[in-house]
Amino acid sequence: MAYTIVIPYRDRAAYLPDTLASLPPDAAIILVDNGSTDDSATLCHDFAASRPNVRCISHPSGGAAAARNAGLAAVETEWVCFFDSDDIFSAPTPFFQWPGIMSYDTLDVICLPTQMERSTPDGTRLIPRDFRPTASPADQILISMLATQTMLLRTAFLRSIGGWNETLPVWNDWELGLRVLLASPRLLWADTTHAYHRIRLHADSLTGSRFSERAAERFLALSVAEADIASSSLKDKDQLSLALDLRRGIFCGHLLREGLSLSPADKPRTLRARLLMHYVRLGLRGAWRIARRMC
């Protein structure tokens, strides 16, 4: 299987050496500079000089989604996956070589398990990320099982659904996962006992640690997802709309708990979602499980 790993980066000199050193030697790699002001570009160009299958391109503005699209436009292989510039490739066996798969020609998306790495003064702890084999767009809305690191995509398929939404600074991988499933792809959940990707959790996260830090951008993602559902060809849109409203309710509950006031336009529309909003506002647990049962 010929595949390309696309990695956008911006001011990640502290993390890039470990990320680059972890990448498999047989993959084509495209490194996209998204306007770095530190030594990130130098590190990447030095890495490319040592590997003939690595290319460096520049996309100095527009955010991570735009940088990923710039990388996607440069991909020449049949398959592509996207990697964050502070994460680790952790495959102990050859990548994407599983017994029982006779041909990749019948697939559009391969879903991969990932794990999260949390470092504390007591050491490093690996936490498996939730891996639920389901093709339900409603499940994607509520539990976000498809994210940047969990999808290996046929290049032509990803281009056919429009790539990454460049208007979304946050939750763009969640929205892409939703569009992927709305397109009814030929999907495989990888039957593997280990994760190929390790997400490093740290204080320098681009999305922030509080929901209220980027509330307007998250509301924008909810609006875009609503438009995605409306324009899809799926018949059962009512269930998807309810799932999206339940997600809105949980999000609004977190905002209220963090002390942010909500406009009438921001609040959930259904009674179930409003009840869930107040449930979360009170600090009660299990909201996502409740939402899945409500849906």
C-alpha atoms as a PDB file:
ATOM      1  CA  MET A   1       0.000   0.000   0.000  1.00  0.00           C
ATOM      2  CA  ALA A   2       1.365   3.412  -1.005  1.00  0.00           C
ATOM      3  CA  TYR A   3       0.463   6.106   1.503  1.00  0.00           C
ATOM      4  CA  THR A   4       1.522   9.614   2.525  1.00  0.00           C
ATOM      5  CA  ILE A   5       1.650  11.106   6.008  1.00  0.00           C
ATOM      6  CA  VAL A   6       0.837  14.832   6.043  1.00  0.00           C
ATOM      7  CA  ILE A   7       2.023  16.823   9.057  1.00  0.00           C
ATOM      8  CA  PRO A   8       1.244  20.536   9.450  1.00  0.00           C
ATOM      9  CA  TYR A   9       3.275  22.413  12.026  1.00  0.00           C
ATOM     10  CA  ARG A  10       3.622  25.864  13.531  1.00  0.00           C
ATOM     11  CA  ASP A  11       6.150  26.675  16.248  1.00  0.00           C
ATOM     12  CA  ARG A  12       6.553  23.088  17.403  1.00  0.00           C
ATOM     13  CA  ALA A  13      10.341  22.938  17.704  1.00  0.00           C
ATOM     14  CA  ALA A  14      10.039  21.470  21.205  1.00  0.00           C
ATOM     15  CA  TYR A  15       8.061  18.463  19.946  1.00  0.00           C
ATOM     16  CA  LEU A  16       9.084  17.902  16.319  1.00  0.00           C
ATOM     17  CA  PRO A  17      12.362  15.993  16.930  1.00  0.00           C
ATOM     18  CA  ASP A  18      10.532  13.145  18.691  1.00  0.00           C
ATOM     19  CA  THR A  19       7.678  13.196  16.169  1.00  0.00           C
ATOM     20  CA  LEU A  20       9.971  13.064  13.138  1.00  0.00           C
ATOM     21  CA  ALA A  21      12.187  10.367  14.622  1.00  0.00           C
ATOM     22  CA  SER A  22       9.147   8.139  15.129  1.00  0.00           C
ATOM     23  CA  LEU A  23       7.939   8.197  11.505  1.00  0.00           C
ATOM     24  CA  PRO A  24       8.202   5.000   9.421  1.00  0.00           C
ATOM     25  CA  PRO A  25      11.026   4.992   6.859  1.00  0.00           C
ATOM     26  CA  ASP A  26       8.894   3.571   4.035  1.00  0.00           C
ATOM     27  CA  ALA A  27       6.196   6.282   3.984  1.00  0.00           C
ATOM     28  CA  ALA A  28       6.052   9.364   1.820  1.00  0.00           C
ATOM     29  CA  ILE A  29       5.888  12.364   4.156  1.00  0.00           C
ATOM     30  CA  ILE A  30       4.782  15.941   3.501  1.00  0.00           C
ATOM     31  CA  LEU A  31       5.673  18.531   6.146  1.00  0.00           C
ATOM     32  CA  VAL A  32       3.654  21.747   5.893  1.00  0.00           C
ATOM     33  CA  ASP A  33       5.003  24.880   7.586  1.00  0.00           C
ATOM     34  CA  ASN A  34       2.028  26.924   8.780  1.00  0.00           C
ATOM     35  CA  GLY A  35       3.945  30.139   9.493  1.00  0.00           C
ATOM     36  CA  SER A  36       6.493  29.086  12.112  1.00  0.00           C
ATOM     37  CA  THR A  37       8.630  31.698  13.825  1.00  0.00           C
ATOM     38  CA  ASP A  38      10.867  29.304  15.769  1.00  0.00           C
ATOM     39  CA  ASP A  39      13.290  26.612  14.532  1.00  0.00           C
ATOM     40  CA  SER A  40      10.527  24.241  13.368  1.00  0.00           C
ATOM     41  CA  ALA A  41      11.120  24.811   9.648  1.00  0.00           C
ATOM     42  CA  THR A  42      14.863  24.260  10.021  1.00  0.00           C
ATOM     43  CA  LEU A  43      14.268  20.981  11.851  1.00  0.00           C
ATOM     44  CA  CYS A  44      11.921  19.803   9.110  1.00  0.00           C
ATOM     45  CA  HIS A  45      14.204  20.802   6.242  1.00  0.00           C
ATOM     46  CA  ASP A  46      17.134  19.036   7.923  1.00  0.00           C
ATOM     47  CA  PHE A  47      14.960  15.942   8.318  1.00  0.00           C
ATOM     48  CA  ALA A  48      13.911  16.101   4.658  1.00  0.00           C
ATOM     49  CA  ALA A  49      17.566  16.339   3.603  1.00  0.00           C
ATOM     50  CA  SER A  50      18.177  12.956   5.265  1.00  0.00           C
ATOM     51  CA  ARG A  51      15.125  11.192   3.752  1.00  0.00           C
ATOM     52  CA  PRO A  52      14.431  11.173  -0.015  1.00  0.00           C
ATOM     53  CA  ASN A  53      10.726  10.466   0.533  1.00  0.00           C
ATOM     54  CA  VAL A  54      10.122  13.639   2.593  1.00  0.00           C
ATOM     55  CA  ARG A  55       8.927  16.934   1.107  1.00  0.00           C
ATOM     56  CA  CYS A  56       8.634  20.321   2.803  1.00  0.00           C
ATOM     57  CA  ILE A  57       6.067  22.863   1.653  1.00  0.00           C
ATOM     58  CA  SER A  58       4.869  26.145   3.108  1.00  0.00           C
ATOM     59  CA  HIS A  59       1.364  27.418   3.752  1.00  0.00           C
ATOM     60  CA  PRO A  60       1.961  30.419   6.022  1.00  0.00           C
ATOM     61  CA  SER A  61      -1.627  31.323   6.944  1.00  0.00           C
ATOM     62  CA  GLY A  62      -5.093  29.887   7.351  1.00  0.00           C
ATOM     63  CA  GLY A  63      -4.620  27.494  10.255  1.00  0.00           C
ATOM     64  CA  ALA A  64      -4.133  23.753  10.550  1.00  0.00           C
ATOM     65  CA  ALA A  65      -7.056  22.768   8.308  1.00  0.00           C
ATOM     66  CA  ALA A  66      -5.758  24.935   5.464  1.00  0.00           C
ATOM     67  CA  ALA A  67      -2.261  23.518   5.940  1.00  0.00           C
ATOM     68  CA  ARG A  68      -3.661  19.976   5.806  1.00  0.00           C
ATOM     69  CA  ASN A  69      -5.468  20.820   2.568  1.00  0.00           C
ATOM     70  CA  ALA A  70      -2.233  22.208   1.130  1.00  0.00           C
ATOM     71  CA  GLY A  71      -0.590  18.901   2.001  1.00  0.00           C
ATOM     72  CA  LEU A  72      -3.520  16.958   0.549  1.00  0.00           C
ATOM     73  CA  ALA A  73      -3.159  18.830  -2.740  1.00  0.00           C
ATOM     74  CA  ALA A  74       0.472  17.690  -2.941  1.00  0.00           C
ATOM     75  CA  VAL A  75      -0.224  14.001  -2.191  1.00  0.00           C
ATOM     76  CA  GLU A  76       0.641  11.626  -5.041  1.00  0.00           C
ATOM     77  CA  THR A  77      -0.150   8.301  -3.349  1.00  0.00           C
ATOM     78  CA  GLU A  78      -3.456   6.432  -3.310  1.00  0.00           C
ATOM     79  CA  TRP A  79      -3.824   6.758   0.480  1.00  0.00           C
ATOM     80  CA  VAL A  80      -3.204   9.568   2.954  1.00  0.00           C
ATOM     81  CA  CYS A  81      -3.237  10.047   6.704  1.00  0.00           C
ATOM     82  CA  PHE A  82      -2.723  13.130   8.833  1.00  0.00           C
ATOM     83  CA  PHE A  83      -0.513  13.485  11.843  1.00  0.00           C
ATOM     84  CA  ASP A  84      -0.087  16.216  14.440  1.00  0.00           C
ATOM     85  CA  SER A  85       3.349  17.729  14.902  1.00  0.00           C
ATOM     86  CA  ASP A  86       3.564  16.874  18.609  1.00  0.00           C
ATOM     87  CA  ASP A  87       2.514  13.213  18.450  1.00  0.00           C
ATOM     88  CA  ILE A  88       4.304   9.895  18.101  1.00  0.00           C
ATOM     89  CA  PHE A  89       4.050   7.146  15.499  1.00  0.00           C
ATOM     90  CA  SER A  90       4.197   3.956  17.542  1.00  0.00           C
ATOM     91  CA  ALA A  91       3.814   0.984  15.206  1.00  0.00           C
ATOM     92  CA  PRO A  92       5.731  -2.083  16.437  1.00  0.00           C
ATOM     93  CA  THR A  93       4.931  -3.935  13.196  1.00  0.00           C
ATOM     94  CA  PRO A  94       4.831  -2.853   9.527  1.00  0.00           C
ATOM     95  CA  PHE A  95       2.196  -0.210   8.959  1.00  0.00           C
ATOM     96  CA  PHE A  96      -1.146  -1.243   7.392  1.00  0.00           C
ATOM     97  CA  GLN A  97      -0.220  -4.858   6.798  1.00  0.00           C
ATOM     98  CA  TRP A  98      -2.942  -7.004   8.309  1.00  0.00           C
ATOM     99  CA  PRO A  99      -3.806 -10.649   7.565  1.00  0.00           C
ATOM    100  CA  GLY A 100      -7.150 -11.225   5.937  1.00  0.00           C
ATOM    101  CA  ILE A 101      -7.240  -8.108   3.759  1.00  0.00           C
ATOM    102  CA  MET A 102      -7.035  -9.353   0.189  1.00  0.00           C
ATOM    103  CA  SER A 103      -7.360  -5.937  -1.454  1.00  0.00           C
ATOM    104  CA  TYR A 104      -7.601  -2.313  -0.423  1.00  0.00           C
ATOM    105  CA  ASP A 105      -9.404  -1.502  -3.671  1.00  0.00           C
ATOM    106  CA  THR A 106     -12.775  -2.049  -1.997  1.00  0.00           C
ATOM    107  CA  LEU A 107     -12.157   0.501   0.796  1.00  0.00           C
ATOM    108  CA  ASP A 108     -12.353   4.266   1.207  1.00  0.00           C
ATOM    109  CA  VAL A 109     -11.459   4.625   4.894  1.00  0.00           C
ATOM    110  CA  ILE A 110      -9.517   2.522   7.384  1.00  0.00           C
ATOM    111  CA  CYS A 111     -10.090   3.387  11.047  1.00  0.00           C
ATOM    112  CA  LEU A 112      -7.180   2.933  13.435  1.00  0.00           C
ATOM    113  CA  PRO A 113      -6.883   2.702  17.218  1.00  0.00           C
ATOM    114  CA  THR A 114      -4.894   5.390  19.005  1.00  0.00           C
ATOM    115  CA  GLN A 115      -3.686   5.960  22.529  1.00  0.00           C
ATOM    116  CA  MET A 116      -2.994   9.057  24.587  1.00  0.00           C
ATOM    117  CA  GLU A 117       0.203   9.733  26.489  1.00  0.00           C
ATOM    118  CA  ARG A 118      -0.060  11.727  29.702  1.00  0.00           C
ATOM    119  CA  SER A 119       3.166  12.696  31.467  1.00  0.00           C
ATOM    120  CA  THR A 120       3.104  13.406  35.202  1.00  0.00           C
ATOM    121  CA  PRO A 121       5.816  13.810  37.861  1.00  0.00           C
ATOM    122  CA  ASP A 122       5.268  10.117  38.597  1.00  0.00           C
ATOM    123  CA  GLY A 123       5.983   9.039  35.035  1.00  0.00           C
ATOM    124  CA  THR A 124       4.245   8.518  31.689  1.00  0.00           C
ATOM    125  CA  ARG A 125       0.858   6.846  31.470  1.00  0.00           C
ATOM    126  CA  LEU A 126      -0.674   5.479  28.240  1.00  0.00           C
ATOM    127  CA  ILE A 127      -4.456   5.695  27.956  1.00  0.00           C
ATOM    128  CA  PRO A 128      -6.264   3.875  25.113  1.00  0.00           C
ATOM    129  CA  ARG A 129      -8.553   6.237  23.204  1.00  0.00           C
ATOM    130  CA  ASP A 130     -12.133   5.024  22.823  1.00  0.00           C
ATOM    131  CA  PHE A 131     -12.300   2.783  19.738  1.00  0.00           C
ATOM    132  CA  ARG A 132     -15.878   1.976  18.704  1.00  0.00           C
ATOM    133  CA  PRO A 133     -16.418   0.188  15.386  1.00  0.00           C
ATOM    134  CA  THR A 134     -19.493   2.000  14.146  1.00  0.00           C
ATOM    135  CA  ALA A 135     -20.378   3.771  10.921  1.00  0.00           C
ATOM    136  CA  SER A 136     -23.176   5.773  12.536  1.00  0.00           C
ATOM    137  CA  PRO A 137     -22.963   9.546  11.953  1.00  0.00           C
ATOM    138  CA  ALA A 138     -24.980   9.971  15.165  1.00  0.00           C
ATOM    139  CA  ASP A 139     -22.227   8.185  17.099  1.00  0.00           C
ATOM    140  CA  GLN A 140     -19.615  10.411  15.479  1.00  0.00           C
ATOM    141  CA  ILE A 141     -21.594  13.475  16.600  1.00  0.00           C
ATOM    142  CA  LEU A 142     -21.725  12.260  20.187  1.00  0.00           C
ATOM    143  CA  ILE A 143     -18.497  10.334  20.801  1.00  0.00           C
ATOM    144  CA  SER A 144     -16.094  11.608  18.099  1.00  0.00           C
ATOM    145  CA  MET A 145     -14.598   8.212  17.364  1.00  0.00           C
ATOM    146  CA  LEU A 146     -13.158   9.480  14.049  1.00  0.00           C
ATOM    147  CA  ALA A 147     -10.479  12.122  14.546  1.00  0.00           C
ATOM    148  CA  THR A 148      -7.348  13.326  12.768  1.00  0.00           C
ATOM    149  CA  GLN A 149      -5.252  10.454  14.029  1.00  0.00           C
ATOM    150  CA  THR A 150      -7.780   7.654  13.529  1.00  0.00           C
ATOM    151  CA  MET A 151      -8.345   7.748   9.768  1.00  0.00           C
ATOM    152  CA  LEU A 152      -6.370   6.433   6.838  1.00  0.00           C
ATOM    153  CA  LEU A 153      -8.244   7.773   3.814  1.00  0.00           C
ATOM    154  CA  ARG A 154      -8.262   7.035   0.123  1.00  0.00           C
ATOM    155  CA  THR A 155      -6.905  10.266  -1.338  1.00  0.00           C
ATOM    156  CA  ALA A 156      -9.530  10.516  -4.076  1.00  0.00           C
ATOM    157  CA  PHE A 157     -12.337   9.933  -1.570  1.00  0.00           C
ATOM    158  CA  LEU A 158     -11.119  12.684   0.764  1.00  0.00           C
ATOM    159  CA  ARG A 159     -10.796  15.098  -2.136  1.00  0.00           C
ATOM    160  CA  SER A 160     -14.295  14.177  -3.321  1.00  0.00           C
ATOM    161  CA  ILE A 161     -15.854  15.268  -0.007  1.00  0.00           C
ATOM    162  CA  GLY A 162     -13.949  18.559   0.053  1.00  0.00           C
ATOM    163  CA  GLY A 163     -11.023  17.856   2.364  1.00  0.00           C
ATOM    164  CA  TRP A 164     -10.776  19.796   5.604  1.00  0.00           C
ATOM    165  CA  ASN A 165     -13.129  22.691   6.355  1.00  0.00           C
ATOM    166  CA  GLU A 166     -10.809  25.693   6.539  1.00  0.00           C
ATOM    167  CA  THR A 167     -13.377  27.886   8.319  1.00  0.00           C
ATOM    168  CA  LEU A 168     -13.090  25.801  11.492  1.00  0.00           C
ATOM    169  CA  PRO A 169     -10.176  26.499  13.847  1.00  0.00           C
ATOM    170  CA  VAL A 170     -11.366  23.832  16.318  1.00  0.00           C
ATOM    171  CA  TRP A 171     -13.399  20.623  16.060  1.00  0.00           C
ATOM    172  CA  ASN A 172     -12.412  20.445  12.375  1.00  0.00           C
ATOM    173  CA  ASP A 173     -11.427  16.771  12.677  1.00  0.00           C
ATOM    174  CA  TRP A 174     -14.755  15.974  14.365  1.00  0.00           C
ATOM    175  CA  GLU A 175     -16.588  17.724  11.518  1.00  0.00           C
ATOM    176  CA  LEU A 176     -14.492  15.913   8.902  1.00  0.00           C
ATOM    177  CA  GLY A 177     -15.290  12.585  10.552  1.00  0.00           C
ATOM    178  CA  LEU A 178     -18.980  13.446  10.346  1.00  0.00           C
ATOM    179  CA  ARG A 179     -18.724  14.306   6.634  1.00  0.00           C
ATOM    180  CA  VAL A 180     -16.824  11.090   6.018  1.00  0.00           C
ATOM    181  CA  LEU A 181     -19.660   9.020   7.483  1.00  0.00           C
ATOM    182  CA  LEU A 182     -22.384  11.094   5.837  1.00  0.00           C
ATOM    183  CA  ALA A 183     -20.813  10.077   2.509  1.00  0.00           C
ATOM    184  CA  SER A 184     -21.429   6.371   3.336  1.00  0.00           C
ATOM    185  CA  PRO A 185     -17.829   5.249   2.686  1.00  0.00           C
ATOM    186  CA  ARG A 186     -16.538   1.717   2.303  1.00  0.00           C
ATOM    187  CA  LEU A 187     -15.177   1.449   5.828  1.00  0.00           C
ATOM    188  CA  LEU A 188     -12.874  -0.940   7.697  1.00  0.00           C
ATOM    189  CA  TRP A 189     -12.111  -0.885  11.409  1.00  0.00           C
ATOM    190  CA  ALA A 190      -8.566  -2.190  11.711  1.00  0.00           C
ATOM    191  CA  ASP A 191      -8.365  -5.481  13.577  1.00  0.00           C
ATOM    192  CA  THR A 192      -5.135  -4.804  15.396  1.00  0.00           C
ATOM    193  CA  THR A 193      -4.117  -5.271  19.015  1.00  0.00           C
ATOM    194  CA  HIS A 194      -1.961  -2.162  19.211  1.00  0.00           C
ATOM    195  CA  ALA A 195      -2.268   1.535  18.424  1.00  0.00           C
ATOM    196  CA  TYR A 196      -0.214   3.041  15.631  1.00  0.00           C
ATOM    197  CA  HIS A 197      -0.524   6.555  16.962  1.00  0.00           C
ATOM    198  CA  ARG A 198       0.193   8.174  20.322  1.00  0.00           C
ATOM    199  CA  ILE A 199      -1.370  11.533  21.157  1.00  0.00           C
ATOM    200  CA  ARG A 200       0.805  13.439  23.601  1.00  0.00           C
ATOM    201  CA  LEU A 201      -1.285  15.407  26.096  1.00  0.00           C
ATOM    202  CA  HIS A 202       0.424  18.542  27.359  1.00  0.00           C
ATOM    203  CA  ALA A 203      -0.245  22.088  28.551  1.00  0.00           C
ATOM    204  CA  ASP A 204       0.691  23.569  25.155  1.00  0.00           C
ATOM    205  CA  SER A 205      -2.440  22.261  23.450  1.00  0.00           C
ATOM    206  CA  LEU A 206      -3.783  24.454  20.651  1.00  0.00           C
ATOM    207  CA  THR A 207      -7.434  23.974  21.625  1.00  0.00           C
ATOM    208  CA  GLY A 208      -7.142  25.163  25.225  1.00  0.00           C
ATOM    209  CA  SER A 209      -8.172  23.471  28.452  1.00  0.00           C
ATOM    210  CA  ARG A 210     -11.561  25.179  28.957  1.00  0.00           C
ATOM    211  CA  PHE A 211     -14.619  25.059  26.699  1.00  0.00           C
ATOM    212  CA  SER A 212     -15.202  28.794  27.153  1.00  0.00           C
ATOM    213  CA  GLU A 213     -11.758  29.695  25.773  1.00  0.00           C
ATOM    214  CA  ARG A 214     -12.919  29.095  22.181  1.00  0.00           C
ATOM    215  CA  ALA A 215     -16.682  28.970  22.603  1.00  0.00           C
ATOM    216  CA  ALA A 216     -17.560  30.978  19.472  1.00  0.00           C
ATOM    217  CA  GLU A 217     -15.400  28.727  17.295  1.00  0.00           C
ATOM    218  CA  ARG A 218     -17.039  25.602  18.716  1.00  0.00           C
ATOM    219  CA  PHE A 219     -20.502  27.043  18.072  1.00  0.00           C
ATOM    220  CA  LEU A 220     -19.372  27.651  14.497  1.00  0.00           C
ATOM    221  CA  ALA A 221     -18.436  23.973  14.176  1.00  0.00           C
ATOM    222  CA  LEU A 222     -21.906  22.983  15.415  1.00  0.00           C
ATOM    223  CA  SER A 223     -23.484  25.242  12.777  1.00  0.00           C
ATOM    224  CA  VAL A 224     -21.320  23.759  10.023  1.00  0.00           C
ATOM    225  CA  ALA A 225     -22.248  20.236  11.153  1.00  0.00           C
ATOM    226  CA  GLU A 226     -25.915  21.225  11.018  1.00  0.00           C
ATOM    227  CA  ALA A 227     -25.438  22.331   7.406  1.00  0.00           C
ATOM    228  CA  ASP A 228     -23.581  19.081   6.623  1.00  0.00           C
ATOM    229  CA  ILE A 229     -26.543  17.061   7.856  1.00  0.00           C
ATOM    230  CA  ALA A 230     -29.070  19.192   5.960  1.00  0.00           C
ATOM    231  CA  SER A 231     -27.189  18.772   2.678  1.00  0.00           C
ATOM    232  CA  SER A 232     -26.564  15.033   3.042  1.00  0.00           C
ATOM    233  CA  SER A 233     -28.531  12.402   1.129  1.00  0.00           C
ATOM    234  CA  LEU A 234     -29.264  10.310   4.230  1.00  0.00           C
ATOM    235  CA  LYS A 235     -32.915   9.768   5.058  1.00  0.00           C
ATOM    236  CA  ASP A 236     -32.879   9.690   8.872  1.00  0.00           C
ATOM    237  CA  LYS A 237     -31.823  13.281   9.441  1.00  0.00           C
ATOM    238  CA  ASP A 238     -34.070  13.740  12.490  1.00  0.00           C
ATOM    239  CA  GLN A 239     -31.922  11.389  14.563  1.00  0.00           C
ATOM    240  CA  LEU A 240     -28.759  13.205  13.472  1.00  0.00           C
ATOM    241  CA  SER A 241     -30.280  16.594  14.281  1.00  0.00           C
ATOM    242  CA  LEU A 242     -31.239  15.318  17.742  1.00  0.00           C
ATOM    243  CA  ALA A 243     -27.720  13.960  18.306  1.00  0.00           C
ATOM    244  CA  LEU A 244     -26.268  17.328  17.314  1.00  0.00           C
ATOM    245  CA  ASP A 245     -28.649  19.155  19.661  1.00  0.00           C
ATOM    246  CA  LEU A 246     -27.653  16.816  22.490  1.00  0.00           C
ATOM    247  CA  ARG A 247     -24.003  17.631  21.804  1.00  0.00           C
ATOM    248  CA  ARG A 248     -24.933  21.312  21.895  1.00  0.00           C
ATOM    249  CA  GLY A 249     -26.679  20.740  25.218  1.00  0.00           C
ATOM    250  CA  ILE A 250     -23.616  19.112  26.764  1.00  0.00           C
ATOM    251  CA  PHE A 251     -21.374  21.864  25.421  1.00  0.00           C
ATOM    252  CA  CYS A 252     -23.669  24.600  26.733  1.00  0.00           C
ATOM    253  CA  GLY A 253     -23.749  22.871  30.123  1.00  0.00           C
ATOM    254  CA  HIS A 254     -19.946  23.071  30.294  1.00  0.00           C
ATOM    255  CA  LEU A 255     -20.060  26.754  29.345  1.00  0.00           C
ATOM    256  CA  LEU A 256     -22.598  27.520  32.068  1.00  0.00           C
ATOM    257  CA  ARG A 257     -20.508  25.592  34.579  1.00  0.00           C
ATOM    258  CA  GLU A 258     -17.503  27.723  33.585  1.00  0.00           C
ATOM    259  CA  GLY A 259     -19.525  30.906  34.174  1.00  0.00           C
ATOM    260  CA  LEU A 260     -20.272  31.906  30.579  1.00  0.00           C
ATOM    261  CA  SER A 261     -23.709  33.289  29.754  1.00  0.00           C
ATOM    262  CA  LEU A 262     -25.544  32.007  26.674  1.00  0.00           C
ATOM    263  CA  SER A 263     -27.587  33.837  24.071  1.00  0.00           C
ATOM    264  CA  PRO A 264     -30.978  32.352  23.086  1.00  0.00           C
ATOM    265  CA  ALA A 265     -29.518  31.376  19.696  1.00  0.00           C
ATOM    266  CA  ASP A 266     -26.760  29.365  21.373  1.00  0.00           C
ATOM    267  CA  LYS A 267     -28.994  27.236  23.587  1.00  0.00           C
ATOM    268  CA  PRO A 268     -30.225  23.766  22.591  1.00  0.00           C
ATOM    269  CA  ARG A 269     -33.614  23.519  20.913  1.00  0.00           C
ATOM    270  CA  THR A 270     -35.095  20.262  22.233  1.00  0.00           C
ATOM    271  CA  LEU A 271     -36.297  19.520  25.754  1.00  0.00           C
ATOM    272  CA  ARG A 272     -33.987  16.516  26.052  1.00  0.00           C
ATOM    273  CA  ALA A 273     -30.955  18.604  25.155  1.00  0.00           C
ATOM    274  CA  ARG A 274     -31.953  21.385  27.554  1.00  0.00           C
ATOM    275  CA  LEU A 275     -32.333  18.880  30.384  1.00  0.00           C
ATOM    276  CA  LEU A 276     -28.919  17.467  29.526  1.00  0.00           C
ATOM    277  CA  MET A 277     -27.464  21.000  29.544  1.00  0.00           C
ATOM    278  CA  HIS A 278     -28.599  21.547  33.147  1.00  0.00           C
ATOM    279  CA  TYR A 279     -27.408  18.059  34.107  1.00  0.00           C
ATOM    280  CA  VAL A 280     -23.893  18.988  32.944  1.00  0.00           C
ATOM    281  CA  ARG A 281     -24.114  22.452  34.513  1.00  0.00           C
ATOM    282  CA  LEU A 282     -24.587  20.773  37.898  1.00  0.00           C
ATOM    283  CA  GLY A 283     -21.350  18.847  37.388  1.00  0.00           C
ATOM    284  CA  LEU A 284     -22.989  15.440  37.119  1.00  0.00           C
ATOM    285  CA  ARG A 285     -21.185  12.707  35.205  1.00  0.00           C
ATOM    286  CA  GLY A 286     -22.122  10.372  32.378  1.00  0.00           C
ATOM    287  CA  ALA A 287     -23.711  12.942  30.045  1.00  0.00           C
ATOM    288  CA  TRP A 288     -22.366  11.317  26.871  1.00  0.00           C
ATOM    289  CA  ARG A 289     -23.742   7.904  27.837  1.00  0.00           C
ATOM    290  CA  ILE A 290     -27.110   9.488  28.600  1.00  0.00           C
ATOM    291  CA  ALA A 291     -27.056  11.304  25.248  1.00  0.00           C
ATOM    292  CA  ARG A 292     -26.475   8.065  23.351  1.00  0.00           C
ATOM    293  CA  ARG A 293     -29.443   6.450  25.102  1.00  0.00           C
ATOM    294  CA  MET A 294     -31.601   9.515  24.355  1.00  0.00           C
ATOM    295  CA  CYS A 295     -30.668   9.266  20.701  1.00  0.00           C
END
